[in-house]
Amino acid sequence: MKAKEYLLQYGRIQSRLRLIDSNIDKLRRDLRNLDDISVSSPWPDGQPHGTKTSDPTGSKAVKLADSINVKRDQLRKELEDYEYQQIMERSKLWSKGIEITEKLGEIMLCDDINAKTYHDILQMRYIQNALWEEIAIAIGYTFRHTIRLHGEALKKMEDILNE
């Protein structure tokens, strides 16, 4: 895999993590809101009751309340399963992001005099998502020289990836 493609994964991972976090928050709100669903009843068991056990309206109301509770429990189970899947996916993506930053850190171990500069350029560009002008100012080089060093840094990163 090319170094640039490898490093660009980090930004996509971060975007996906933000989306998953938002989904998990929404799922948790939805689960809390399920508890607010109820059929109002003056009876202590929360079930609506007819005036007589043979009253067809009363038995229909009890069946309706029971079906609402069953559906609420099914929905709760589905939401909890989906939340678990989202958390597992988040865990895998987070691990991949850590792997990318660790690989990037390996560039500091190369015996090139510009190793720290290479690391800083790639870190700022792909992890921090900085603009080229910001990177040039931060490392103290001209814009053109920063772009040139970026190319060299990508070559070093490819060597690390191909080891």
N, C-alpha and C. Protein backbone atom coordinates (compact mmCIF):
# COMPACT_ATOMS: atom_id res chain seq x y z
N MET A 1 0.84 -1.18 0.00
CA MET A 1 0.00 0.00 0.00
C MET A 1 0.89 1.24 0.00
N LYS A 2 0.47 2.23 -0.72
CA LYS A 2 1.20 3.48 -0.77
C LYS A 2 1.06 4.21 0.57
N ALA A 3 2.11 4.93 0.91
CA ALA A 3 2.14 5.63 2.20
C ALA A 3 1.02 6.67 2.30
N LYS A 4 0.79 7.40 1.22
CA LYS A 4 -0.23 8.43 1.26
C LYS A 4 -1.61 7.82 1.50
N GLU A 5 -1.91 6.73 0.81
CA GLU A 5 -3.20 6.05 1.00
C GLU A 5 -3.32 5.55 2.44
N TYR A 6 -2.24 5.00 2.93
CA TYR A 6 -2.22 4.47 4.30
C TYR A 6 -2.52 5.58 5.31
N LEU A 7 -1.85 6.70 5.16
CA LEU A 7 -2.02 7.81 6.10
C LEU A 7 -3.39 8.48 5.95
N LEU A 8 -3.92 8.52 4.73
CA LEU A 8 -5.24 9.13 4.52
C LEU A 8 -6.34 8.34 5.21
N GLN A 9 -6.09 7.07 5.50
CA GLN A 9 -7.07 6.26 6.22
C GLN A 9 -7.40 6.88 7.57
N TYR A 10 -6.42 7.54 8.17
CA TYR A 10 -6.61 8.10 9.51
C TYR A 10 -7.77 9.09 9.53
N GLY A 11 -7.82 9.98 8.55
CA GLY A 11 -8.91 10.96 8.49
C GLY A 11 -10.26 10.30 8.31
N ARG A 12 -10.31 9.28 7.44
CA ARG A 12 -11.57 8.57 7.23
C ARG A 12 -11.99 7.83 8.50
N ILE A 13 -11.02 7.27 9.21
CA ILE A 13 -11.32 6.58 10.46
C ILE A 13 -11.89 7.56 11.48
N GLN A 14 -11.29 8.74 11.59
CA GLN A 14 -11.78 9.74 12.54
C GLN A 14 -13.19 10.18 12.21
N SER A 15 -13.48 10.37 10.91
CA SER A 15 -14.84 10.74 10.51
C SER A 15 -15.83 9.65 10.87
N ARG A 16 -15.46 8.42 10.59
CA ARG A 16 -16.34 7.29 10.90
C ARG A 16 -16.54 7.16 12.42
N LEU A 17 -15.48 7.39 13.19
CA LEU A 17 -15.60 7.33 14.65
C LEU A 17 -16.58 8.39 15.17
N ARG A 18 -16.50 9.59 14.60
CA ARG A 18 -17.43 10.65 15.02
C ARG A 18 -18.87 10.25 14.70
N LEU A 19 -19.08 9.65 13.52
CA LEU A 19 -20.42 9.21 13.14
C LEU A 19 -20.92 8.11 14.07
N ILE A 20 -20.06 7.16 14.39
CA ILE A 20 -20.45 6.07 15.28
C ILE A 20 -20.77 6.62 16.67
N ASP A 21 -19.95 7.54 17.17
CA ASP A 21 -20.23 8.15 18.49
C ASP A 21 -21.59 8.84 18.49
N SER A 22 -21.89 9.52 17.40
CA SER A 22 -23.19 10.18 17.28
C SER A 22 -24.31 9.15 17.24
N ASN A 23 -24.11 8.05 16.52
CA ASN A 23 -25.12 6.98 16.47
C ASN A 23 -25.33 6.37 17.85
N ILE A 24 -24.25 6.12 18.57
CA ILE A 24 -24.36 5.53 19.90
C ILE A 24 -25.11 6.47 20.84
N ASP A 25 -24.81 7.76 20.78
CA ASP A 25 -25.53 8.72 21.62
C ASP A 25 -27.02 8.72 21.30
N LYS A 26 -27.35 8.68 20.01
CA LYS A 26 -28.76 8.65 19.60
C LYS A 26 -29.43 7.36 20.08
N LEU A 27 -28.75 6.24 19.95
CA LEU A 27 -29.31 4.97 20.41
C LEU A 27 -29.59 5.00 21.92
N ARG A 28 -28.66 5.57 22.66
CA ARG A 28 -28.85 5.64 24.11
C ARG A 28 -30.01 6.55 24.48
N ARG A 29 -30.17 7.66 23.73
CA ARG A 29 -31.33 8.52 23.97
C ARG A 29 -32.63 7.78 23.64
N ASP A 30 -32.62 7.04 22.52
CA ASP A 30 -33.80 6.28 22.13
C ASP A 30 -34.15 5.22 23.17
N LEU A 31 -33.13 4.56 23.72
CA LEU A 31 -33.38 3.56 24.76
C LEU A 31 -33.99 4.20 26.00
N ARG A 32 -33.49 5.38 26.37
CA ARG A 32 -34.07 6.08 27.52
C ARG A 32 -35.52 6.49 27.25
N ASN A 33 -35.78 6.91 25.99
CA ASN A 33 -37.12 7.35 25.63
C ASN A 33 -38.12 6.20 25.61
N LEU A 34 -37.64 4.98 25.40
CA LEU A 34 -38.55 3.83 25.43
C LEU A 34 -39.22 3.69 26.78
N ASP A 35 -38.53 4.07 27.83
CA ASP A 35 -39.10 3.97 29.17
C ASP A 35 -40.28 4.93 29.37
N ASP A 36 -40.32 5.99 28.55
CA ASP A 36 -41.39 6.97 28.67
C ASP A 36 -42.68 6.52 27.98
N ILE A 37 -42.59 5.48 27.17
CA ILE A 37 -43.78 4.99 26.47
C ILE A 37 -44.62 4.20 27.46
N SER A 38 -45.84 4.63 27.63
CA SER A 38 -46.72 3.89 28.53
C SER A 38 -48.16 4.12 28.12
N VAL A 39 -48.99 3.22 28.52
CA VAL A 39 -50.43 3.37 28.32
C VAL A 39 -50.97 3.85 29.66
N SER A 40 -51.58 5.02 29.65
CA SER A 40 -52.02 5.57 30.94
C SER A 40 -53.16 4.72 31.51
N SER A 41 -53.05 4.49 32.79
CA SER A 41 -54.04 3.68 33.49
C SER A 41 -54.09 4.10 34.94
N PRO A 42 -55.29 4.15 35.51
CA PRO A 42 -55.38 4.48 36.93
C PRO A 42 -55.03 3.29 37.82
N TRP A 43 -54.84 2.12 37.25
CA TRP A 43 -54.56 0.92 38.03
C TRP A 43 -53.08 0.83 38.36
N PRO A 44 -52.73 0.29 39.52
CA PRO A 44 -51.33 0.23 39.95
C PRO A 44 -50.44 -0.65 39.07
N ASP A 45 -51.02 -1.61 38.35
CA ASP A 45 -50.18 -2.47 37.52
C ASP A 45 -49.89 -1.84 36.17
N GLY A 46 -50.44 -0.64 35.90
CA GLY A 46 -50.18 0.07 34.66
C GLY A 46 -50.98 -0.44 33.48
N GLN A 47 -51.77 -1.45 33.69
CA GLN A 47 -52.57 -2.03 32.61
C GLN A 47 -53.96 -1.39 32.63
N PRO A 48 -54.50 -1.10 31.45
CA PRO A 48 -55.89 -0.61 31.43
C PRO A 48 -56.84 -1.77 31.76
N HIS A 49 -57.92 -1.46 32.43
CA HIS A 49 -58.88 -2.49 32.82
C HIS A 49 -60.28 -2.07 32.41
N GLY A 50 -61.06 -3.04 31.99
CA GLY A 50 -62.47 -2.79 31.70
C GLY A 50 -63.27 -2.89 32.99
N THR A 51 -64.52 -2.58 32.89
CA THR A 51 -65.35 -2.65 34.08
C THR A 51 -65.67 -4.08 34.49
N LYS A 52 -65.68 -4.97 33.53
CA LYS A 52 -65.96 -6.37 33.81
C LYS A 52 -64.94 -7.22 33.06
N THR A 53 -64.70 -8.41 33.54
CA THR A 53 -63.77 -9.30 32.84
C THR A 53 -64.33 -9.75 31.51
N SER A 54 -65.64 -9.74 31.40
CA SER A 54 -66.24 -10.14 30.13
C SER A 54 -66.40 -8.97 29.18
N ASP A 55 -66.01 -7.77 29.62
CA ASP A 55 -66.13 -6.57 28.80
C ASP A 55 -65.15 -6.64 27.64
N PRO A 56 -65.64 -6.65 26.37
CA PRO A 56 -64.74 -6.76 25.23
C PRO A 56 -63.78 -5.58 25.11
N THR A 57 -64.18 -4.42 25.53
CA THR A 57 -63.30 -3.25 25.47
C THR A 57 -62.14 -3.41 26.43
N GLY A 58 -62.43 -3.92 27.61
CA GLY A 58 -61.38 -4.11 28.62
C GLY A 58 -60.36 -5.13 28.17
N SER A 59 -60.78 -6.23 27.59
CA SER A 59 -59.83 -7.25 27.14
C SER A 59 -59.02 -6.76 25.96
N LYS A 60 -59.62 -5.96 25.08
CA LYS A 60 -58.88 -5.39 23.95
C LYS A 60 -57.82 -4.40 24.46
N ALA A 61 -58.17 -3.64 25.47
CA ALA A 61 -57.21 -2.67 26.02
C ALA A 61 -56.03 -3.38 26.67
N VAL A 62 -56.32 -4.48 27.38
CA VAL A 62 -55.24 -5.24 28.01
C VAL A 62 -54.33 -5.84 26.94
N LYS A 63 -54.93 -6.38 25.87
CA LYS A 63 -54.13 -6.95 24.77
C LYS A 63 -53.28 -5.87 24.11
N LEU A 64 -53.87 -4.69 23.92
CA LEU A 64 -53.13 -3.58 23.32
C LEU A 64 -51.95 -3.19 24.19
N ALA A 65 -52.17 -3.06 25.48
CA ALA A 65 -51.08 -2.70 26.40
C ALA A 65 -50.00 -3.76 26.40
N ASP A 66 -50.41 -5.04 26.40
CA ASP A 66 -49.42 -6.12 26.36
C ASP A 66 -48.62 -6.10 25.06
N SER A 67 -49.30 -5.83 23.94
CA SER A 67 -48.58 -5.80 22.66
C SER A 67 -47.60 -4.63 22.62
N ILE A 68 -47.97 -3.50 23.22
CA ILE A 68 -47.06 -2.35 23.29
C ILE A 68 -45.82 -2.72 24.11
N ASN A 69 -46.03 -3.41 25.22
CA ASN A 69 -44.89 -3.81 26.06
C ASN A 69 -43.99 -4.81 25.33
N VAL A 70 -44.58 -5.74 24.61
CA VAL A 70 -43.80 -6.71 23.84
C VAL A 70 -43.00 -6.00 22.75
N LYS A 71 -43.64 -5.08 22.04
CA LYS A 71 -42.94 -4.34 20.98
C LYS A 71 -41.84 -3.47 21.56
N ARG A 72 -42.09 -2.86 22.71
CA ARG A 72 -41.08 -2.04 23.36
C ARG A 72 -39.87 -2.90 23.75
N ASP A 73 -40.14 -4.10 24.27
CA ASP A 73 -39.04 -4.99 24.64
C ASP A 73 -38.26 -5.46 23.41
N GLN A 74 -38.96 -5.74 22.31
CA GLN A 74 -38.29 -6.13 21.07
C GLN A 74 -37.42 -4.99 20.55
N LEU A 75 -37.97 -3.79 20.55
CA LEU A 75 -37.22 -2.63 20.08
C LEU A 75 -36.01 -2.37 20.97
N ARG A 76 -36.18 -2.52 22.28
CA ARG A 76 -35.06 -2.34 23.20
C ARG A 76 -33.94 -3.33 22.87
N LYS A 77 -34.29 -4.59 22.64
CA LYS A 77 -33.31 -5.63 22.31
C LYS A 77 -32.60 -5.29 21.00
N GLU A 78 -33.35 -4.87 19.98
CA GLU A 78 -32.75 -4.51 18.70
C GLU A 78 -31.79 -3.33 18.85
N LEU A 79 -32.20 -2.32 19.61
CA LEU A 79 -31.35 -1.16 19.82
C LEU A 79 -30.09 -1.52 20.60
N GLU A 80 -30.24 -2.38 21.60
CA GLU A 80 -29.07 -2.80 22.38
C GLU A 80 -28.10 -3.61 21.50
N ASP A 81 -28.63 -4.47 20.63
CA ASP A 81 -27.77 -5.25 19.71
C ASP A 81 -27.05 -4.32 18.75
N TYR A 82 -27.78 -3.34 18.21
CA TYR A 82 -27.17 -2.40 17.27
C TYR A 82 -26.11 -1.56 17.98
N GLU A 83 -26.40 -1.15 19.20
CA GLU A 83 -25.42 -0.37 19.97
C GLU A 83 -24.15 -1.19 20.17
N TYR A 84 -24.29 -2.46 20.49
CA TYR A 84 -23.13 -3.34 20.68
C TYR A 84 -22.31 -3.43 19.39
N GLN A 85 -23.00 -3.60 18.26
CA GLN A 85 -22.30 -3.66 16.97
C GLN A 85 -21.53 -2.37 16.71
N GLN A 86 -22.15 -1.24 16.99
CA GLN A 86 -21.50 0.05 16.77
C GLN A 86 -20.26 0.19 17.67
N ILE A 87 -20.38 -0.26 18.91
CA ILE A 87 -19.25 -0.17 19.84
C ILE A 87 -18.11 -1.07 19.36
N MET A 88 -18.43 -2.26 18.85
CA MET A 88 -17.40 -3.16 18.35
C MET A 88 -16.71 -2.57 17.12
N GLU A 89 -17.48 -1.99 16.22
CA GLU A 89 -16.89 -1.35 15.04
C GLU A 89 -16.00 -0.19 15.45
N ARG A 90 -16.47 0.59 16.43
CA ARG A 90 -15.68 1.72 16.92
C ARG A 90 -14.35 1.23 17.48
N SER A 91 -14.38 0.14 18.20
CA SER A 91 -13.17 -0.41 18.79
C SER A 91 -12.16 -0.81 17.71
N LYS A 92 -12.63 -1.45 16.65
CA LYS A 92 -11.75 -1.86 15.55
C LYS A 92 -11.15 -0.65 14.85
N LEU A 93 -11.98 0.36 14.58
CA LEU A 93 -11.48 1.56 13.91
C LEU A 93 -10.47 2.30 14.78
N TRP A 94 -10.76 2.39 16.07
CA TRP A 94 -9.85 3.07 16.98
C TRP A 94 -8.50 2.37 16.99
N SER A 95 -8.51 1.03 17.00
CA SER A 95 -7.26 0.26 16.97
C SER A 95 -6.48 0.53 15.70
N LYS A 96 -7.17 0.62 14.58
CA LYS A 96 -6.50 0.92 13.30
C LYS A 96 -5.88 2.32 13.34
N GLY A 97 -6.58 3.26 13.92
CA GLY A 97 -6.03 4.62 14.05
C GLY A 97 -4.77 4.64 14.89
N ILE A 98 -4.76 3.88 15.97
CA ILE A 98 -3.57 3.78 16.83
C ILE A 98 -2.42 3.14 16.05
N GLU A 99 -2.73 2.11 15.27
CA GLU A 99 -1.70 1.45 14.46
C GLU A 99 -1.05 2.44 13.49
N ILE A 100 -1.87 3.28 12.87
CA ILE A 100 -1.35 4.26 11.91
C ILE A 100 -0.43 5.25 12.62
N THR A 101 -0.83 5.75 13.78
CA THR A 101 0.02 6.71 14.48
C THR A 101 1.31 6.06 14.98
N GLU A 102 1.24 4.79 15.35
CA GLU A 102 2.46 4.09 15.78
C GLU A 102 3.41 3.88 14.60
N LYS A 103 2.86 3.51 13.45
CA LYS A 103 3.69 3.35 12.24
C LYS A 103 4.34 4.67 11.88
N LEU A 104 3.57 5.74 11.99
CA LEU A 104 4.11 7.06 11.70
C LEU A 104 5.25 7.40 12.65
N GLY A 105 5.13 6.99 13.89
CA GLY A 105 6.18 7.23 14.87
C GLY A 105 7.48 6.52 14.53
N GLU A 106 7.39 5.42 13.79
CA GLU A 106 8.59 4.68 13.41
C GLU A 106 9.50 5.48 12.48
N ILE A 107 8.96 6.49 11.84
CA ILE A 107 9.78 7.32 10.95
C ILE A 107 10.86 8.05 11.75
N MET A 108 10.61 8.27 13.03
CA MET A 108 11.60 8.94 13.88
C MET A 108 12.83 8.05 14.12
N LEU A 109 12.66 6.74 13.95
CA LEU A 109 13.75 5.80 14.19
C LEU A 109 14.70 5.66 13.00
N CYS A 110 14.31 6.19 11.83
CA CYS A 110 15.21 6.08 10.68
C CYS A 110 16.44 6.98 10.89
N ASP A 111 17.52 6.63 10.25
CA ASP A 111 18.78 7.32 10.50
C ASP A 111 18.97 8.56 9.61
N ASP A 112 17.89 9.11 9.10
CA ASP A 112 17.95 10.31 8.26
C ASP A 112 17.99 11.54 9.16
N ILE A 113 18.76 12.53 8.75
CA ILE A 113 18.89 13.77 9.52
C ILE A 113 17.57 14.53 9.60
N ASN A 114 16.69 14.31 8.61
CA ASN A 114 15.41 15.01 8.56
C ASN A 114 14.26 14.19 9.16
N ALA A 115 14.56 13.15 9.91
CA ALA A 115 13.53 12.24 10.42
C ALA A 115 12.45 12.99 11.21
N LYS A 116 12.86 13.89 12.09
CA LYS A 116 11.88 14.62 12.88
C LYS A 116 11.02 15.52 12.00
N THR A 117 11.64 16.16 11.02
CA THR A 117 10.90 17.02 10.09
C THR A 117 9.90 16.18 9.30
N TYR A 118 10.34 15.01 8.82
CA TYR A 118 9.43 14.12 8.09
C TYR A 118 8.23 13.76 8.96
N HIS A 119 8.54 13.38 10.20
CA HIS A 119 7.46 13.01 11.12
C HIS A 119 6.50 14.17 11.33
N ASP A 120 7.05 15.36 11.58
CA ASP A 120 6.21 16.53 11.83
C ASP A 120 5.32 16.85 10.63
N ILE A 121 5.89 16.76 9.43
CA ILE A 121 5.11 17.06 8.23
C ILE A 121 3.95 16.07 8.09
N LEU A 122 4.26 14.78 8.19
CA LEU A 122 3.22 13.77 8.02
C LEU A 122 2.20 13.82 9.16
N GLN A 123 2.67 14.06 10.36
CA GLN A 123 1.78 14.18 11.52
C GLN A 123 0.80 15.34 11.32
N MET A 124 1.34 16.49 10.97
CA MET A 124 0.49 17.66 10.81
C MET A 124 -0.47 17.52 9.63
N ARG A 125 0.02 16.94 8.55
CA ARG A 125 -0.81 16.83 7.34
C ARG A 125 -1.91 15.78 7.49
N TYR A 126 -1.58 14.60 7.95
CA TYR A 126 -2.53 13.49 7.92
C TYR A 126 -3.23 13.21 9.24
N ILE A 127 -2.60 13.55 10.35
CA ILE A 127 -3.24 13.30 11.64
C ILE A 127 -3.97 14.55 12.12
N GLN A 128 -3.30 15.70 12.03
CA GLN A 128 -3.90 16.95 12.50
C GLN A 128 -4.66 17.68 11.41
N ASN A 129 -4.52 17.23 10.15
CA ASN A 129 -5.24 17.81 9.02
C ASN A 129 -4.92 19.29 8.82
N ALA A 130 -3.64 19.65 8.97
CA ALA A 130 -3.21 21.05 8.85
C ALA A 130 -3.04 21.43 7.37
N LEU A 131 -3.13 22.70 7.10
CA LEU A 131 -2.91 23.23 5.75
C LEU A 131 -1.40 23.30 5.48
N TRP A 132 -1.05 23.28 4.20
CA TRP A 132 0.36 23.32 3.83
C TRP A 132 1.05 24.56 4.38
N GLU A 133 0.37 25.69 4.34
CA GLU A 133 0.96 26.93 4.84
C GLU A 133 1.26 26.82 6.34
N GLU A 134 0.35 26.23 7.08
CA GLU A 134 0.56 26.05 8.52
C GLU A 134 1.75 25.13 8.79
N ILE A 135 1.87 24.09 7.99
CA ILE A 135 2.98 23.15 8.15
C ILE A 135 4.30 23.85 7.86
N ALA A 136 4.35 24.61 6.77
CA ALA A 136 5.58 25.31 6.39
C ALA A 136 6.02 26.27 7.49
N ILE A 137 5.08 26.99 8.06
CA ILE A 137 5.40 27.91 9.15
C ILE A 137 5.90 27.15 10.37
N ALA A 138 5.22 26.06 10.70
CA ALA A 138 5.57 25.29 11.89
C ALA A 138 6.96 24.68 11.81
N ILE A 139 7.35 24.20 10.63
CA ILE A 139 8.66 23.57 10.51
C ILE A 139 9.75 24.54 10.09
N GLY A 140 9.34 25.76 9.71
CA GLY A 140 10.31 26.81 9.41
C GLY A 140 10.92 26.73 8.03
N TYR A 141 10.20 26.20 7.06
CA TYR A 141 10.69 26.13 5.68
C TYR A 141 9.71 26.84 4.76
N THR A 142 10.16 27.07 3.53
CA THR A 142 9.27 27.69 2.55
C THR A 142 8.20 26.68 2.14
N PHE A 143 7.18 27.18 1.52
CA PHE A 143 6.08 26.34 1.06
C PHE A 143 6.60 25.26 0.10
N ARG A 144 7.40 25.68 -0.90
CA ARG A 144 7.91 24.73 -1.89
C ARG A 144 8.81 23.68 -1.27
N HIS A 145 9.67 24.11 -0.34
CA HIS A 145 10.57 23.15 0.28
C HIS A 145 9.77 22.18 1.18
N THR A 146 8.72 22.65 1.79
CA THR A 146 7.85 21.79 2.60
C THR A 146 7.22 20.71 1.74
N ILE A 147 6.76 21.09 0.56
CA ILE A 147 6.16 20.11 -0.37
C ILE A 147 7.21 19.08 -0.79
N ARG A 148 8.41 19.54 -1.05
CA ARG A 148 9.50 18.63 -1.43
C ARG A 148 9.83 17.66 -0.30
N LEU A 149 9.91 18.19 0.92
CA LEU A 149 10.17 17.34 2.08
C LEU A 149 9.02 16.35 2.32
N HIS A 150 7.82 16.76 2.00
CA HIS A 150 6.66 15.87 2.12
C HIS A 150 6.84 14.65 1.22
N GLY A 151 7.30 14.89 -0.01
CA GLY A 151 7.56 13.77 -0.93
C GLY A 151 8.60 12.81 -0.38
N GLU A 152 9.66 13.37 0.19
CA GLU A 152 10.71 12.53 0.79
C GLU A 152 10.16 11.77 2.00
N ALA A 153 9.33 12.44 2.78
CA ALA A 153 8.75 11.80 3.97
C ALA A 153 7.85 10.64 3.56
N LEU A 154 7.09 10.81 2.48
CA LEU A 154 6.24 9.72 2.00
C LEU A 154 7.08 8.53 1.55
N LYS A 155 8.22 8.81 0.92
CA LYS A 155 9.11 7.71 0.50
C LYS A 155 9.63 6.95 1.72
N LYS A 156 10.03 7.69 2.75
CA LYS A 156 10.49 7.04 3.99
C LYS A 156 9.37 6.21 4.61
N MET A 157 8.17 6.76 4.60
CA MET A 157 7.03 6.05 5.17
C MET A 157 6.74 4.77 4.38
N GLU A 158 6.86 4.84 3.07
CA GLU A 158 6.66 3.63 2.25
C GLU A 158 7.70 2.57 2.58
N ASP A 159 8.94 3.00 2.81
CA ASP A 159 9.98 2.04 3.19
C ASP A 159 9.59 1.35 4.49
N ILE A 160 9.07 2.11 5.44
CA ILE A 160 8.65 1.53 6.72
C ILE A 160 7.50 0.55 6.52
N LEU A 161 6.53 0.92 5.67
CA LEU A 161 5.38 0.06 5.42
C LEU A 161 5.78 -1.24 4.70
N ASN A 162 6.82 -1.17 3.88
CA ASN A 162 7.23 -2.33 3.10
C ASN A 162 8.22 -3.23 3.83
N GLU A 163 8.58 -2.87 5.06
CA GLU A 163 9.53 -3.70 5.83
C GLU A 163 8.90 -5.00 6.24
